[in-house]
Structure formats: structure tokens, C-alpha cells
Amino acid sequence: MRDAWQDAEAVAEYVHSVRGAAPVMQFIERPTLQALVGQVRGQDVVDLGCGAGDFARQCAEAGAASVVAVDRSAEMLRYAVPAPGFTMWRFAGSR
């Protein structure tokens, strides 16, 4: 069975759609995650299944003391961009 998260073309298409004008991400997922997680200023954050690291970056920009972003897809992690002043820890595992 093919793992789409290891397919460079599929991941590029997904990341482009999510970072583009995807209303679900912009108006539903991100605000919901922010509300569930709450205030992160001064907190240590671990984002498991971070994908392209967008939520991890958002936490860093919101004042988290440290952020560790973990995903098993090396292709998704290629799109992870650390917030200024942060090092994005990248871990990718395989089955």
C-alpha cells in the first residue's frame, strides 16, 4: 500500500492547498487548535504529527519557550520553516 505522506508530489500539492486559500484551515482548524491549546507563552510545546510545522511555528510566534515538532513524513518536514530565533527539530521515522 502506497503511503501518500512519503510521496513528494502528493505532499507538495497538499501543502500548497493548505497554505493557500484553504478556508477550512484558516477559519476552522487553526482557531480551534488555538482555543483547545490555550495560551502557550512561556510554555514548552511538542507538536506530534506536525506535518509541515505550521502550528508549531504559530506556537513559537505566540511566545512558547520551546517548540519541538515531530512527524514521520520526511516529505512533510521539508516544508517546515522555523520561526525566527527558533530551531525546528525535525524527526522522521519509518514503519
Protein backbone atom coordinates (compact mmCIF):
# COMPACT_ATOMS: atom_id res chain seq x y z
CA MET A 1 0.00 0.00 0.00
CA ARG A 2 1.34 3.43 -1.00
CA ASP A 3 2.00 5.98 1.76
CA ALA A 4 0.92 9.34 0.33
CA TRP A 5 2.81 11.25 3.05
CA GLN A 6 6.09 9.93 1.63
CA ASP A 7 5.16 10.94 -1.94
CA ALA A 8 6.85 14.27 -2.78
CA GLU A 9 4.29 15.29 -5.38
CA ALA A 10 1.26 14.50 -3.19
CA VAL A 11 2.76 16.32 -0.21
CA ALA A 12 3.64 19.38 -2.31
CA GLU A 13 0.06 19.56 -3.58
CA TYR A 14 -1.35 19.21 -0.04
CA VAL A 15 0.96 21.84 1.50
CA HIS A 16 0.23 24.25 -1.34
CA SER A 17 -3.53 23.86 -0.83
CA VAL A 18 -3.31 24.24 2.96
CA ARG A 19 -1.05 27.27 2.86
CA GLY A 20 -3.06 28.80 0.05
CA ALA A 21 -6.64 29.84 0.48
CA ALA A 22 -7.94 26.72 2.23
CA PRO A 23 -10.82 28.16 4.29
CA VAL A 24 -11.08 25.04 6.44
CA MET A 25 -7.55 25.57 7.77
CA GLN A 26 -7.80 29.33 8.08
CA PHE A 27 -11.24 29.64 9.62
CA ILE A 28 -11.84 26.31 11.38
CA GLU A 29 -8.75 24.23 12.16
CA ARG A 30 -6.31 26.92 13.28
CA PRO A 31 -8.73 28.82 15.55
CA THR A 32 -10.00 25.53 17.01
CA LEU A 33 -6.46 24.34 17.81
CA GLN A 34 -5.63 27.71 19.37
CA ALA A 35 -8.74 27.55 21.56
CA LEU A 36 -8.04 23.96 22.63
CA VAL A 37 -4.36 24.53 23.41
CA GLY A 38 -4.80 27.93 25.03
CA GLN A 39 -2.01 30.32 25.98
CA VAL A 40 1.43 28.98 25.03
CA ARG A 41 3.57 31.98 26.05
CA GLY A 42 6.44 30.67 28.19
CA GLN A 43 5.35 27.04 27.74
CA ASP A 44 7.24 24.15 26.19
CA VAL A 45 5.29 22.77 23.22
CA VAL A 46 5.55 19.40 21.47
CA ASP A 47 3.63 19.12 18.20
CA LEU A 48 3.27 15.42 17.39
CA GLY A 49 2.25 14.80 13.81
CA CYS A 50 3.25 18.36 12.93
CA GLY A 51 3.08 17.89 9.17
CA ALA A 52 4.64 20.99 7.62
CA GLY A 53 5.05 22.58 11.05
CA ASP A 54 2.55 25.41 10.66
CA PHE A 55 1.01 25.02 14.14
CA ALA A 56 4.46 24.59 15.72
CA ARG A 57 5.59 27.82 14.08
CA GLN A 58 2.42 29.56 15.26
CA CYS A 59 3.19 28.47 18.84
CA ALA A 60 6.76 29.77 18.58
CA GLU A 61 5.50 33.10 17.26
CA ALA A 62 2.98 33.24 20.14
CA GLY A 63 5.82 33.15 22.68
CA ALA A 64 6.37 29.48 23.50
CA ALA A 65 9.62 28.92 25.41
CA SER A 66 10.50 25.98 23.17
CA VAL A 67 8.84 24.03 20.39
CA VAL A 68 9.61 20.52 19.22
CA ALA A 69 7.85 19.48 16.03
CA VAL A 70 7.73 15.77 15.20
CA ASP A 71 6.43 13.99 12.12
CA ARG A 72 7.08 10.62 10.47
CA SER A 73 6.92 12.07 6.96
CA ALA A 74 10.27 13.38 5.78
CA GLU A 75 8.46 14.92 2.81
CA MET A 76 6.15 16.98 5.07
CA LEU A 77 9.11 18.10 7.17
CA ARG A 78 10.82 19.51 4.09
CA TYR A 79 8.20 22.29 4.23
CA ALA A 80 8.68 23.05 7.92
CA VAL A 81 10.11 26.54 8.38
CA PRO A 82 11.23 27.54 11.89
CA ALA A 83 10.07 30.79 13.41
CA PRO A 84 12.78 33.47 13.74
CA GLY A 85 15.03 32.66 16.68
CA PHE A 86 13.86 29.03 16.87
CA THR A 87 15.43 25.84 15.66
CA MET A 88 12.91 23.44 14.24
CA TRP A 89 13.70 19.95 15.46
CA ARG A 90 12.92 17.54 12.68
CA PHE A 91 12.37 13.88 13.34
CA ALA A 92 11.14 11.46 10.75
CA GLY A 93 10.67 7.78 11.39
CA SER A 94 9.53 4.93 9.27
CA ARG A 95 7.41 1.91 9.96
